[in-house]
Amino acid sequence: MDASRFPYAALHHREKLVPAYPVVYIARMSEPTMHDVDAKKAMDARLARIEGQVRAVRRMIGEDEACEDIAQQLAAARKALNRAFYEMVSCMIREELPAGNQGRTERAGKVAELLARFG
């Protein structure tokens, strides 16, 4: 594990500590972020397609299909999940910005932290 990129995670891994996430993550998860009905429908459709891709991979494995074909399907599902993740980050960026430079700086920091941690 690259401790310079993920010092928080590295500490927990090295010390075998139970992960405890900073309060900022807990607070963000409890607030609804997708207010746009069309965006929710689009995300739901995207996730349904991903779910179908994962089911197809399981079926392919069960039917002993070629590893290359399975890898191709896994790559497509991974790419679709990445697109869903970046859509959620985009949603976070598009939210109404807090008033003042301090609020904007905090929002930018949260987005940057999210991308560094999960992106």
PDB file of N, CA and C in Angstrom:
ATOM      1  N   MET A   1       0.853  -1.175   0.000  1.00  0.00           N
ATOM      2  CA  MET A   1       0.000   0.000   0.000  1.00  0.00           C
ATOM      3  C   MET A   1       0.891   1.228   0.000  1.00  0.00           C
ATOM      4  N   ASP A   2       0.593   2.204  -0.833  1.00  0.00           N
ATOM      5  CA  ASP A   2       1.360   3.422  -0.947  1.00  0.00           C
ATOM      6  C   ASP A   2       0.935   4.382   0.160  1.00  0.00           C
ATOM      7  N   ALA A   3       1.739   4.452   1.211  1.00  0.00           N
ATOM      8  CA  ALA A   3       1.390   5.250   2.379  1.00  0.00           C
ATOM      9  C   ALA A   3       1.372   6.743   2.081  1.00  0.00           C
ATOM     10  N   SER A   4       2.137   7.179   1.091  1.00  0.00           N
ATOM     11  CA  SER A   4       2.152   8.608   0.791  1.00  0.00           C
ATOM     12  C   SER A   4       0.843   9.059   0.157  1.00  0.00           C
ATOM     13  N   ARG A   5       0.181   8.206  -0.597  1.00  0.00           N
ATOM     14  CA  ARG A   5      -1.080   8.575  -1.237  1.00  0.00           C
ATOM     15  C   ARG A   5      -2.268   8.392  -0.311  1.00  0.00           C
ATOM     16  N   PHE A   6      -2.195   7.409   0.563  1.00  0.00           N
ATOM     17  CA  PHE A   6      -3.314   7.095   1.441  1.00  0.00           C
ATOM     18  C   PHE A   6      -2.837   6.926   2.876  1.00  0.00           C
ATOM     19  N   PRO A   7      -2.341   7.997   3.496  1.00  0.00           N
ATOM     20  CA  PRO A   7      -1.766   7.845   4.841  1.00  0.00           C
ATOM     21  C   PRO A   7      -2.768   7.338   5.868  1.00  0.00           C
ATOM     22  N   TYR A   8      -4.008   7.777   5.756  1.00  0.00           N
ATOM     23  CA  TYR A   8      -5.037   7.362   6.714  1.00  0.00           C
ATOM     24  C   TYR A   8      -5.281   5.860   6.617  1.00  0.00           C
ATOM     25  N   ALA A   9      -5.463   5.387   5.386  1.00  0.00           N
ATOM     26  CA  ALA A   9      -5.710   3.961   5.168  1.00  0.00           C
ATOM     27  C   ALA A   9      -4.478   3.133   5.526  1.00  0.00           C
ATOM     28  N   ALA A  10      -3.283   3.647   5.198  1.00  0.00           N
ATOM     29  CA  ALA A  10      -2.053   2.917   5.491  1.00  0.00           C
ATOM     30  C   ALA A  10      -1.882   2.733   6.988  1.00  0.00           C
ATOM     31  N   LEU A  11      -2.176   3.769   7.756  1.00  0.00           N
ATOM     32  CA  LEU A  11      -2.075   3.675   9.208  1.00  0.00           C
ATOM     33  C   LEU A  11      -2.989   2.577   9.732  1.00  0.00           C
ATOM     34  N   HIS A  12      -4.225   2.560   9.244  1.00  0.00           N
ATOM     35  CA  HIS A  12      -5.172   1.546   9.707  1.00  0.00           C
ATOM     36  C   HIS A  12      -4.749   0.152   9.268  1.00  0.00           C
ATOM     37  N   HIS A  13      -4.197   0.043   8.074  1.00  0.00           N
ATOM     38  CA  HIS A  13      -3.748  -1.261   7.579  1.00  0.00           C
ATOM     39  C   HIS A  13      -2.560  -1.746   8.400  1.00  0.00           C
ATOM     40  N   ARG A  14      -1.588  -0.866   8.594  1.00  0.00           N
ATOM     41  CA  ARG A  14      -0.358  -1.218   9.309  1.00  0.00           C
ATOM     42  C   ARG A  14      -0.656  -1.548  10.767  1.00  0.00           C
ATOM     43  N   GLU A  15      -1.508  -0.766  11.404  1.00  0.00           N
ATOM     44  CA  GLU A  15      -1.813  -0.954  12.817  1.00  0.00           C
ATOM     45  C   GLU A  15      -2.963  -1.930  13.052  1.00  0.00           C
ATOM     46  N   LYS A  16      -3.563  -2.416  11.957  1.00  0.00           N
ATOM     47  CA  LYS A  16      -4.697  -3.332  12.027  1.00  0.00           C
ATOM     48  C   LYS A  16      -5.831  -2.736  12.878  1.00  0.00           C
ATOM     49  N   LEU A  17      -6.109  -1.465  12.630  1.00  0.00           N
ATOM     50  CA  LEU A  17      -7.174  -0.769  13.346  1.00  0.00           C
ATOM     51  C   LEU A  17      -8.486  -0.942  12.609  1.00  0.00           C
ATOM     52  N   VAL A  18      -9.567  -0.848  13.337  1.00  0.00           N
ATOM     53  CA  VAL A  18     -10.893  -0.877  12.724  1.00  0.00           C
ATOM     54  C   VAL A  18     -11.078   0.460  12.013  1.00  0.00           C
ATOM     55  N   PRO A  19     -11.462   0.440  10.726  1.00  0.00           N
ATOM     56  CA  PRO A  19     -11.630   1.705  10.016  1.00  0.00           C
ATOM     57  C   PRO A  19     -12.672   2.588  10.686  1.00  0.00           C
ATOM     58  N   ALA A  20     -12.309   3.819  10.882  1.00  0.00           N
ATOM     59  CA  ALA A  20     -13.231   4.831  11.400  1.00  0.00           C
ATOM     60  C   ALA A  20     -13.104   6.021  10.466  1.00  0.00           C
ATOM     61  N   TYR A  21     -14.181   6.363   9.804  1.00  0.00           N
ATOM     62  CA  TYR A  21     -14.117   7.411   8.806  1.00  0.00           C
ATOM     63  C   TYR A  21     -14.325   8.775   9.445  1.00  0.00           C
ATOM     64  N   PRO A  22     -13.644   9.791   8.909  1.00  0.00           N
ATOM     65  CA  PRO A  22     -13.821  11.138   9.453  1.00  0.00           C
ATOM     66  C   PRO A  22     -15.290  11.553   9.410  1.00  0.00           C
ATOM     67  N   VAL A  23     -15.658  12.445  10.299  1.00  0.00           N
ATOM     68  CA  VAL A  23     -17.038  12.903  10.417  1.00  0.00           C
ATOM     69  C   VAL A  23     -17.562  13.455   9.105  1.00  0.00           C
ATOM     70  N   VAL A  24     -16.694  14.060   8.299  1.00  0.00           N
ATOM     71  CA  VAL A  24     -17.147  14.654   7.041  1.00  0.00           C
ATOM     72  C   VAL A  24     -17.830  13.609   6.153  1.00  0.00           C
ATOM     73  N   TYR A  25     -17.340  12.375   6.152  1.00  0.00           N
ATOM     74  CA  TYR A  25     -17.964  11.339   5.327  1.00  0.00           C
ATOM     75  C   TYR A  25     -19.314  10.933   5.892  1.00  0.00           C
ATOM     76  N   ILE A  26     -19.407  10.827   7.187  1.00  0.00           N
ATOM     77  CA  ILE A  26     -20.661  10.445   7.804  1.00  0.00           C
ATOM     78  C   ILE A  26     -21.705  11.524   7.548  1.00  0.00           C
ATOM     79  N   ALA A  27     -21.322  12.768   7.684  1.00  0.00           N
ATOM     80  CA  ALA A  27     -22.252  13.867   7.450  1.00  0.00           C
ATOM     81  C   ALA A  27     -22.692  13.903   5.987  1.00  0.00           C
ATOM     82  N   ARG A  28     -21.790  13.709   5.053  1.00  0.00           N
ATOM     83  CA  ARG A  28     -22.136  13.765   3.640  1.00  0.00           C
ATOM     84  C   ARG A  28     -23.065  12.622   3.267  1.00  0.00           C
ATOM     85  N   MET A  29     -22.865  11.453   3.850  1.00  0.00           N
ATOM     86  CA  MET A  29     -23.700  10.324   3.494  1.00  0.00           C
ATOM     87  C   MET A  29     -25.133  10.499   3.988  1.00  0.00           C
ATOM     88  N   SER A  30     -25.320  11.232   5.064  1.00  0.00           N
ATOM     89  CA  SER A  30     -26.663  11.384   5.603  1.00  0.00           C
ATOM     90  C   SER A  30     -27.458  12.454   4.866  1.00  0.00           C
ATOM     91  N   GLU A  31     -26.802  13.288   4.054  1.00  0.00           N
ATOM     92  CA  GLU A  31     -27.492  14.332   3.308  1.00  0.00           C
ATOM     93  C   GLU A  31     -27.827  13.824   1.910  1.00  0.00           C
ATOM     94  N   PRO A  32     -29.066  13.973   1.464  1.00  0.00           N
ATOM     95  CA  PRO A  32     -29.381  13.587   0.092  1.00  0.00           C
ATOM     96  C   PRO A  32     -28.668  14.510  -0.884  1.00  0.00           C
ATOM     97  N   THR A  33     -28.132  13.949  -1.964  1.00  0.00           N
ATOM     98  CA  THR A  33     -27.381  14.778  -2.898  1.00  0.00           C
ATOM     99  C   THR A  33     -27.995  14.798  -4.286  1.00  0.00           C
ATOM    100  N   MET A  34     -28.763  13.796  -4.661  1.00  0.00           N
ATOM    101  CA  MET A  34     -29.349  13.772  -5.994  1.00  0.00           C
ATOM    102  C   MET A  34     -30.797  14.245  -5.897  1.00  0.00           C
ATOM    103  N   HIS A  35     -30.992  15.530  -6.155  1.00  0.00           N
ATOM    104  CA  HIS A  35     -32.327  16.106  -6.058  1.00  0.00           C
ATOM    105  C   HIS A  35     -33.059  16.089  -7.391  1.00  0.00           C
ATOM    106  N   ASP A  36     -32.340  16.006  -8.465  1.00  0.00           N
ATOM    107  CA  ASP A  36     -32.928  16.048  -9.797  1.00  0.00           C
ATOM    108  C   ASP A  36     -33.543  14.690 -10.134  1.00  0.00           C
ATOM    109  N   VAL A  37     -34.834  14.669 -10.391  1.00  0.00           N
ATOM    110  CA  VAL A  37     -35.559  13.421 -10.669  1.00  0.00           C
ATOM    111  C   VAL A  37     -34.986  12.729 -11.899  1.00  0.00           C
ATOM    112  N   ASP A  38     -34.680  13.489 -12.945  1.00  0.00           N
ATOM    113  CA  ASP A  38     -34.124  12.893 -14.161  1.00  0.00           C
ATOM    114  C   ASP A  38     -32.751  12.280 -13.904  1.00  0.00           C
ATOM    115  N   ALA A  39     -31.944  12.949 -13.080  1.00  0.00           N
ATOM    116  CA  ALA A  39     -30.619  12.415 -12.747  1.00  0.00           C
ATOM    117  C   ALA A  39     -30.745  11.110 -11.962  1.00  0.00           C
ATOM    118  N   LYS A  40     -31.718  11.050 -11.060  1.00  0.00           N
ATOM    119  CA  LYS A  40     -31.946   9.820 -10.299  1.00  0.00           C
ATOM    120  C   LYS A  40     -32.356   8.680 -11.223  1.00  0.00           C
ATOM    121  N   LYS A  41     -33.271   8.974 -12.159  1.00  0.00           N
ATOM    122  CA  LYS A  41     -33.706   7.941 -13.100  1.00  0.00           C
ATOM    123  C   LYS A  41     -32.551   7.457 -13.957  1.00  0.00           C
ATOM    124  N   ALA A  42     -31.720   8.397 -14.419  1.00  0.00           N
ATOM    125  CA  ALA A  42     -30.565   8.031 -15.249  1.00  0.00           C
ATOM    126  C   ALA A  42     -29.581   7.172 -14.454  1.00  0.00           C
ATOM    127  N   MET A  43     -29.342   7.533 -13.189  1.00  0.00           N
ATOM    128  CA  MET A  43     -28.426   6.745 -12.355  1.00  0.00           C
ATOM    129  C   MET A  43     -29.002   5.360 -12.092  1.00  0.00           C
ATOM    130  N   ASP A  44     -30.298   5.283 -11.833  1.00  0.00           N
ATOM    131  CA  ASP A  44     -30.929   3.989 -11.604  1.00  0.00           C
ATOM    132  C   ASP A  44     -30.809   3.105 -12.843  1.00  0.00           C
ATOM    133  N   ALA A  45     -31.032   3.686 -14.019  1.00  0.00           N
ATOM    134  CA  ALA A  45     -30.907   2.926 -15.270  1.00  0.00           C
ATOM    135  C   ALA A  45     -29.465   2.460 -15.471  1.00  0.00           C
ATOM    136  N   ARG A  46     -28.514   3.331 -15.178  1.00  0.00           N
ATOM    137  CA  ARG A  46     -27.092   2.979 -15.305  1.00  0.00           C
ATOM    138  C   ARG A  46     -26.754   1.813 -14.381  1.00  0.00           C
ATOM    139  N   LEU A  47     -27.217   1.884 -13.139  1.00  0.00           N
ATOM    140  CA  LEU A  47     -26.937   0.819 -12.174  1.00  0.00           C
ATOM    141  C   LEU A  47     -27.645  -0.485 -12.551  1.00  0.00           C
ATOM    142  N   ALA A  48     -28.819  -0.401 -13.142  1.00  0.00           N
ATOM    143  CA  ALA A  48     -29.521  -1.607 -13.599  1.00  0.00           C
ATOM    144  C   ALA A  48     -28.726  -2.292 -14.713  1.00  0.00           C
ATOM    145  N   ARG A  49     -28.155  -1.479 -15.616  1.00  0.00           N
ATOM    146  CA  ARG A  49     -27.315  -2.065 -16.683  1.00  0.00           C
ATOM    147  C   ARG A  49     -26.083  -2.742 -16.089  1.00  0.00           C
ATOM    148  N   ILE A  50     -25.476  -2.099 -15.110  1.00  0.00           N
ATOM    149  CA  ILE A  50     -24.298  -2.682 -14.451  1.00  0.00           C
ATOM    150  C   ILE A  50     -24.672  -3.988 -13.767  1.00  0.00           C
ATOM    151  N   GLU A  51     -25.809  -3.991 -13.107  1.00  0.00           N
ATOM    152  CA  GLU A  51     -26.295  -5.206 -12.448  1.00  0.00           C
ATOM    153  C   GLU A  51     -26.460  -6.330 -13.467  1.00  0.00           C
ATOM    154  N   GLY A  52     -26.991  -5.995 -14.636  1.00  0.00           N
ATOM    155  CA  GLY A  52     -27.139  -6.981 -15.702  1.00  0.00           C
ATOM    156  C   GLY A  52     -25.796  -7.488 -16.193  1.00  0.00           C
ATOM    157  N   GLN A  53     -24.822  -6.586 -16.284  1.00  0.00           N
ATOM    158  CA  GLN A  53     -23.481  -7.003 -16.707  1.00  0.00           C
ATOM    159  C   GLN A  53     -22.863  -7.967 -15.701  1.00  0.00           C
ATOM    160  N   VAL A  54     -23.041  -7.685 -14.431  1.00  0.00           N
ATOM    161  CA  VAL A  54     -22.479  -8.563 -13.394  1.00  0.00           C
ATOM    162  C   VAL A  54     -23.174  -9.927 -13.420  1.00  0.00           C
ATOM    163  N   ARG A  55     -24.498  -9.923 -13.614  1.00  0.00           N
ATOM    164  CA  ARG A  55     -25.209 -11.204 -13.741  1.00  0.00           C
ATOM    165  C   ARG A  55     -24.684 -11.992 -14.946  1.00  0.00           C
ATOM    166  N   ALA A  56     -24.412 -11.285 -16.028  1.00  0.00           N
ATOM    167  CA  ALA A  56     -23.887 -11.949 -17.232  1.00  0.00           C
ATOM    168  C   ALA A  56     -22.518 -12.569 -16.948  1.00  0.00           C
ATOM    169  N   VAL A  57     -21.694 -11.880 -16.193  1.00  0.00           N
ATOM    170  CA  VAL A  57     -20.370 -12.423 -15.845  1.00  0.00           C
ATOM    171  C   VAL A  57     -20.540 -13.697 -15.024  1.00  0.00           C
ATOM    172  N   ARG A  58     -21.427 -13.678 -14.062  1.00  0.00           N
ATOM    173  CA  ARG A  58     -21.653 -14.873 -13.246  1.00  0.00           C
ATOM    174  C   ARG A  58     -22.144 -16.035 -14.099  1.00  0.00           C
ATOM    175  N   ARG A  59     -23.045 -15.729 -15.032  1.00  0.00           N
ATOM    176  CA  ARG A  59     -23.553 -16.767 -15.934  1.00  0.00           C
ATOM    177  C   ARG A  59     -22.418 -17.306 -16.804  1.00  0.00           C
ATOM    178  N   MET A  60     -21.599 -16.409 -17.339  1.00  0.00           N
ATOM    179  CA  MET A  60     -20.495 -16.812 -18.209  1.00  0.00           C
ATOM    180  C   MET A  60     -19.520 -17.726 -17.471  1.00  0.00           C
ATOM    181  N   ILE A  61     -19.238 -17.395 -16.224  1.00  0.00           N
ATOM    182  CA  ILE A  61     -18.335 -18.229 -15.422  1.00  0.00           C
ATOM    183  C   ILE A  61     -18.967 -19.598 -15.198  1.00  0.00           C
ATOM    184  N   GLY A  62     -20.241 -19.608 -14.868  1.00  0.00           N
ATOM    185  CA  GLY A  62     -20.949 -20.870 -14.643  1.00  0.00           C
ATOM    186  C   GLY A  62     -21.005 -21.746 -15.887  1.00  0.00           C
ATOM    187  N   GLU A  63     -21.022 -21.106 -17.059  1.00  0.00           N
ATOM    188  CA  GLU A  63     -21.075 -21.855 -18.319  1.00  0.00           C
ATOM    189  C   GLU A  63     -19.697 -22.086 -18.930  1.00  0.00           C
ATOM    190  N   ASP A  64     -18.641 -21.826 -18.154  1.00  0.00           N
ATOM    191  CA  ASP A  64     -17.252 -22.058 -18.579  1.00  0.00           C
ATOM    192  C   ASP A  64     -16.914 -21.376 -19.904  1.00  0.00           C
ATOM    193  N   GLU A  65     -17.339 -20.127 -20.060  1.00  0.00           N
ATOM    194  CA  GLU A  65     -17.001 -19.383 -21.268  1.00  0.00           C
ATOM    195  C   GLU A  65     -15.543 -18.955 -21.224  1.00  0.00           C
ATOM    196  N   ALA A  66     -15.042 -18.494 -22.339  1.00  0.00           N
ATOM    197  CA  ALA A  66     -13.632 -18.128 -22.468  1.00  0.00           C
ATOM    198  C   ALA A  66     -13.268 -16.994 -21.513  1.00  0.00           C
ATOM    199  N   CYS A  67     -12.078 -17.098 -20.909  1.00  0.00           N
ATOM    200  CA  CYS A  67     -11.605 -16.086 -19.955  1.00  0.00           C
ATOM    201  C   CYS A  67     -11.544 -14.703 -20.593  1.00  0.00           C
ATOM    202  N   GLU A  68     -11.151 -14.640 -21.854  1.00  0.00           N
ATOM    203  CA  GLU A  68     -11.061 -13.344 -22.527  1.00  0.00           C
ATOM    204  C   GLU A  68     -12.441 -12.686 -22.632  1.00  0.00           C
ATOM    205  N   ASP A  69     -13.453 -13.477 -22.936  1.00  0.00           N
ATOM    206  CA  ASP A  69     -14.812 -12.934 -23.021  1.00  0.00           C
ATOM    207  C   ASP A  69     -15.302 -12.440 -21.655  1.00  0.00           C
ATOM    208  N   ILE A  70     -14.973 -13.194 -20.624  1.00  0.00           N
ATOM    209  CA  ILE A  70     -15.354 -12.804 -19.264  1.00  0.00           C
ATOM    210  C   ILE A  70     -14.618 -11.529 -18.868  1.00  0.00           C
ATOM    211  N   ALA A  71     -13.328 -11.464 -19.174  1.00  0.00           N
ATOM    212  CA  ALA A  71     -12.541 -10.271 -18.856  1.00  0.00           C
ATOM    213  C   ALA A  71     -13.096  -9.046 -19.569  1.00  0.00           C
ATOM    214  N   GLN A  72     -13.524  -9.223 -20.810  1.00  0.00           N
ATOM    215  CA  GLN A  72     -14.100  -8.108 -21.566  1.00  0.00           C
ATOM    216  C   GLN A  72     -15.380  -7.608 -20.882  1.00  0.00           C
ATOM    217  N   GLN A  73     -16.211  -8.523 -20.429  1.00  0.00           N
ATOM    218  CA  GLN A  73     -17.451  -8.142 -19.750  1.00  0.00           C
ATOM    219  C   GLN A  73     -17.151  -7.470 -18.409  1.00  0.00           C
ATOM    220  N   LEU A  74     -16.154  -7.982 -17.691  1.00  0.00           N
ATOM    221  CA  LEU A  74     -15.756  -7.362 -16.425  1.00  0.00           C
ATOM    222  C   LEU A  74     -15.231  -5.943 -16.645  1.00  0.00           C
ATOM    223  N   ALA A  75     -14.455  -5.764 -17.705  1.00  0.00           N
ATOM    224  CA  ALA A  75     -13.924  -4.433 -18.017  1.00  0.00           C
ATOM    225  C   ALA A  75     -15.064  -3.459 -18.326  1.00  0.00           C
ATOM    226  N   ALA A  76     -16.064  -3.928 -19.039  1.00  0.00           N
ATOM    227  CA  ALA A  76     -17.213  -3.071 -19.357  1.00  0.00           C
ATOM    228  C   ALA A  76     -17.965  -2.692 -18.085  1.00  0.00           C
ATOM    229  N   ALA A  77     -18.142  -3.641 -17.176  1.00  0.00           N
ATOM    230  CA  ALA A  77     -18.835  -3.356 -15.909  1.00  0.00           C
ATOM    231  C   ALA A  77     -18.018  -2.390 -15.059  1.00  0.00           C
ATOM    232  N   ARG A  78     -16.710  -2.588 -15.031  1.00  0.00           N
ATOM    233  CA  ARG A  78     -15.837  -1.691 -14.265  1.00  0.00           C
ATOM    234  C   ARG A  78     -15.906  -0.272 -14.816  1.00  0.00           C
ATOM    235  N   LYS A  79     -15.873  -0.151 -16.131  1.00  0.00           N
ATOM    236  CA  LYS A  79     -15.952   1.173 -16.751  1.00  0.00           C
ATOM    237  C   LYS A  79     -17.298   1.823 -16.441  1.00  0.00           C
ATOM    238  N   ALA A  80     -18.358   1.050 -16.483  1.00  0.00           N
ATOM    239  CA  ALA A  80     -19.685   1.583 -16.173  1.00  0.00           C
ATOM    240  C   ALA A  80     -19.770   2.038 -14.720  1.00  0.00           C
ATOM    241  N   LEU A  81     -19.169   1.283 -13.801  1.00  0.00           N
ATOM    242  CA  LEU A  81     -19.142   1.697 -12.395  1.00  0.00           C
ATOM    243  C   LEU A  81     -18.338   2.982 -12.215  1.00  0.00           C
ATOM    244  N   ASN A  82     -17.217   3.084 -12.927  1.00  0.00           N
ATOM    245  CA  ASN A  82     -16.430   4.313 -12.853  1.00  0.00           C
ATOM    246  C   ASN A  82     -17.237   5.510 -13.338  1.00  0.00           C
ATOM    247  N   ARG A  83     -17.984   5.329 -14.416  1.00  0.00           N
ATOM    248  CA  ARG A  83     -18.811   6.420 -14.928  1.00  0.00           C
ATOM    249  C   ARG A  83     -19.890   6.803 -13.920  1.00  0.00           C
ATOM    250  N   ALA A  84     -20.459   5.825 -13.247  1.00  0.00           N
ATOM    251  CA  ALA A  84     -21.464   6.111 -12.221  1.00  0.00           C
ATOM    252  C   ALA A  84     -20.830   6.886 -11.062  1.00  0.00           C
ATOM    253  N   PHE A  85     -19.632   6.491 -10.673  1.00  0.00           N
ATOM    254  CA  PHE A  85     -18.922   7.198  -9.600  1.00  0.00           C
ATOM    255  C   PHE A  85     -18.675   8.648  -9.984  1.00  0.00           C
ATOM    256  N   TYR A  86     -18.173   8.869 -11.178  1.00  0.00           N
ATOM    257  CA  TYR A  86     -17.872  10.237 -11.593  1.00  0.00           C
ATOM    258  C   TYR A  86     -19.142  11.059 -11.787  1.00  0.00           C
ATOM    259  N   GLU A  87     -20.238  10.422 -12.114  1.00  0.00           N
ATOM    260  CA  GLU A  87     -21.514  11.143 -12.180  1.00  0.00           C
ATOM    261  C   GLU A  87     -21.915  11.616 -10.786  1.00  0.00           C
ATOM    262  N   MET A  88     -21.683  10.786  -9.769  1.00  0.00           N
ATOM    263  CA  MET A  88     -21.993  11.195  -8.399  1.00  0.00           C
ATOM    264  C   MET A  88     -21.088  12.341  -7.958  1.00  0.00           C
ATOM    265  N   VAL A  89     -19.804  12.296  -8.325  1.00  0.00           N
ATOM    266  CA  VAL A  89     -18.899  13.398  -7.999  1.00  0.00           C
ATOM    267  C   VAL A  89     -19.364  14.663  -8.715  1.00  0.00           C
ATOM    268  N   SER A  90     -19.781  14.514  -9.961  1.00  0.00           N
ATOM    269  CA  SER A  90     -20.293  15.645 -10.726  1.00  0.00           C
ATOM    270  C   SER A  90     -21.518  16.238 -10.040  1.00  0.00           C
ATOM    271  N   CYS A  91     -22.370  15.393  -9.520  1.00  0.00           N
ATOM    272  CA  CYS A  91     -23.558  15.850  -8.785  1.00  0.00           C
ATOM    273  C   CYS A  91     -23.134  16.674  -7.579  1.00  0.00           C
ATOM    274  N   MET A  92     -22.114  16.220  -6.890  1.00  0.00           N
ATOM    275  CA  MET A  92     -21.611  16.923  -5.726  1.00  0.00           C
ATOM    276  C   MET A  92     -21.066  18.303  -6.117  1.00  0.00           C
ATOM    277  N   ILE A  93     -20.414  18.372  -7.254  1.00  0.00           N
ATOM    278  CA  ILE A  93     -19.854  19.637  -7.732  1.00  0.00           C
ATOM    279  C   ILE A  93     -20.961  20.589  -8.155  1.00  0.00           C
ATOM    280  N   ARG A  94     -22.014  20.054  -8.777  1.00  0.00           N
ATOM    281  CA  ARG A  94     -23.096  20.897  -9.287  1.00  0.00           C
ATOM    282  C   ARG A  94     -24.025  21.417  -8.201  1.00  0.00           C
ATOM    283  N   GLU A  95     -23.964  20.850  -7.000  1.00  0.00           N
ATOM    284  CA  GLU A  95     -24.808  21.338  -5.908  1.00  0.00           C
ATOM    285  C   GLU A  95     -24.570  22.825  -5.718  1.00  0.00           C
ATOM    286  N   GLU A  96     -25.571  23.502  -5.207  1.00  0.00           N
ATOM    287  CA  GLU A  96     -25.439  24.937  -4.958  1.00  0.00           C
ATOM    288  C   GLU A  96     -24.264  25.186  -4.017  1.00  0.00           C
ATOM    289  N   LEU A  97     -23.380  26.077  -4.431  1.00  0.00           N
ATOM    290  CA  LEU A  97     -22.204  26.378  -3.628  1.00  0.00           C
ATOM    291  C   LEU A  97     -22.579  27.188  -2.401  1.00  0.00           C
ATOM    292  N   PRO A  98     -21.921  26.915  -1.282  1.00  0.00           N
ATOM    293  CA  PRO A  98     -22.161  27.719  -0.093  1.00  0.00           C
ATOM    294  C   PRO A  98     -21.697  29.158  -0.330  1.00  0.00           C
ATOM    295  N   ALA A  99     -22.259  30.079   0.407  1.00  0.00           N
ATOM    296  CA  ALA A  99     -21.864  31.478   0.271  1.00  0.00           C
ATOM    297  C   ALA A  99     -20.458  31.684   0.815  1.00  0.00           C
ATOM    298  N   GLY A 100     -19.719  32.572   0.184  1.00  0.00           N
ATOM    299  CA  GLY A 100     -18.389  32.952   0.672  1.00  0.00           C
ATOM    300  C   GLY A 100     -17.293  32.037   0.183  1.00  0.00           C
ATOM    301  N   ASN A 101     -16.092  32.585   0.203  1.00  0.00           N
ATOM    302  CA  ASN A 101     -14.924  31.836  -0.266  1.00  0.00           C
ATOM    303  C   ASN A 101     -14.601  30.645   0.626  1.00  0.00           C
ATOM    304  N   GLN A 102     -14.820  30.775   1.932  1.00  0.00           N
ATOM    305  CA  GLN A 102     -14.526  29.673   2.856  1.00  0.00           C
ATOM    306  C   GLN A 102     -15.374  28.448   2.519  1.00  0.00           C
ATOM    307  N   GLY A 103     -16.668  28.648   2.265  1.00  0.00           N
ATOM    308  CA  GLY A 103     -17.556  27.536   1.919  1.00  0.00           C
ATOM    309  C   GLY A 103     -17.148  26.886   0.605  1.00  0.00           C
ATOM    310  N   ARG A 104     -16.776  27.702  -0.360  1.00  0.00           N
ATOM    311  CA  ARG A 104     -16.337  27.163  -1.653  1.00  0.00           C
ATOM    312  C   ARG A 104     -15.042  26.389  -1.513  1.00  0.00           C
ATOM    313  N   THR A 105     -14.131  26.913  -0.707  1.00  0.00           N
ATOM    314  CA  THR A 105     -12.862  26.229  -0.478  1.00  0.00           C
ATOM    315  C   THR A 105     -13.097  24.886   0.202  1.00  0.00           C
ATOM    316  N   GLU A 106     -13.999  24.870   1.174  1.00  0.00           N
ATOM    317  CA  GLU A 106     -14.321  23.610   1.858  1.00  0.00           C
ATOM    318  C   GLU A 106     -14.926  22.610   0.887  1.00  0.00           C
ATOM    319  N   ARG A 107     -15.862  23.069   0.025  1.00  0.00           N
ATOM    320  CA  ARG A 107     -16.493  22.174  -0.959  1.00  0.00           C
ATOM    321  C   ARG A 107     -15.440  21.608  -1.900  1.00  0.00           C
ATOM    322  N   ALA A 108     -14.558  22.477  -2.400  1.00  0.00           N
ATOM    323  CA  ALA A 108     -13.500  22.015  -3.305  1.00  0.00           C
ATOM    324  C   ALA A 108     -12.609  20.995  -2.603  1.00  0.00           C
ATOM    325  N   GLY A 109     -12.320  21.230  -1.338  1.00  0.00           N
ATOM    326  CA  GLY A 109     -11.504  20.285  -0.568  1.00  0.00           C
ATOM    327  C   GLY A 109     -12.190  18.943  -0.400  1.00  0.00           C
ATOM    328  N   LYS A 110     -13.496  18.965  -0.168  1.00  0.00           N
ATOM    329  CA  LYS A 110     -14.243  17.713  -0.017  1.00  0.00           C
ATOM    330  C   LYS A 110     -14.252  16.917  -1.320  1.00  0.00           C
ATOM    331  N   VAL A 111     -14.458  17.626  -2.430  1.00  0.00           N
ATOM    332  CA  VAL A 111     -14.459  16.947  -3.729  1.00  0.00           C
ATOM    333  C   VAL A 111     -13.074  16.369  -4.009  1.00  0.00           C
ATOM    334  N   ALA A 112     -12.024  17.163  -3.766  1.00  0.00           N
ATOM    335  CA  ALA A 112     -10.658  16.688  -4.000  1.00  0.00           C
ATOM    336  C   ALA A 112     -10.344  15.484  -3.122  1.00  0.00           C
ATOM    337  N   GLU A 113     -10.780  15.532  -1.869  1.00  0.00           N
ATOM    338  CA  GLU A 113     -10.543  14.416  -0.950  1.00  0.00           C
ATOM    339  C   GLU A 113     -11.280  13.160  -1.417  1.00  0.00           C
ATOM    340  N   LEU A 114     -12.507  13.333  -1.861  1.00  0.00           N
ATOM    341  CA  LEU A 114     -13.283  12.211  -2.371  1.00  0.00           C
ATOM    342  C   LEU A 114     -12.595  11.565  -3.570  1.00  0.00           C
ATOM    343  N   LEU A 115     -12.124  12.398  -4.501  1.00  0.00           N
ATOM    344  CA  LEU A 115     -11.438  11.871  -5.673  1.00  0.00           C
ATOM    345  C   LEU A 115     -10.132  11.195  -5.307  1.00  0.00           C
ATOM    346  N   ALA A 116      -9.392  11.780  -4.386  1.00  0.00           N
ATOM    347  CA  ALA A 116      -8.110  11.181  -3.967  1.00  0.00           C
ATOM    348  C   ALA A 116      -8.339   9.858  -3.251  1.00  0.00           C
ATOM    349  N   ARG A 117      -9.394   9.800  -2.489  1.00  0.00           N
ATOM    350  CA  ARG A 117      -9.647   8.592  -1.697  1.00  0.00           C
ATOM    351  C   ARG A 117     -10.272   7.458  -2.517  1.00  0.00           C
ATOM    352  N   PHE A 118     -11.232   7.786  -3.363  1.00  0.00           N
ATOM    353  CA  PHE A 118     -11.970   6.742  -4.057  1.00  0.00           C
ATOM    354  C   PHE A 118     -11.778   6.741  -5.570  1.00  0.00           C
ATOM    355  N   GLY A 119     -11.275   7.820  -6.127  1.00  0.00           N
ATOM    356  CA  GLY A 119     -11.193   7.977  -7.582  1.00  0.00           C
ATOM    357  C   GLY A 119     -10.072   7.248  -8.236  1.00  0.00           C
TER     358      GLY A 119
END
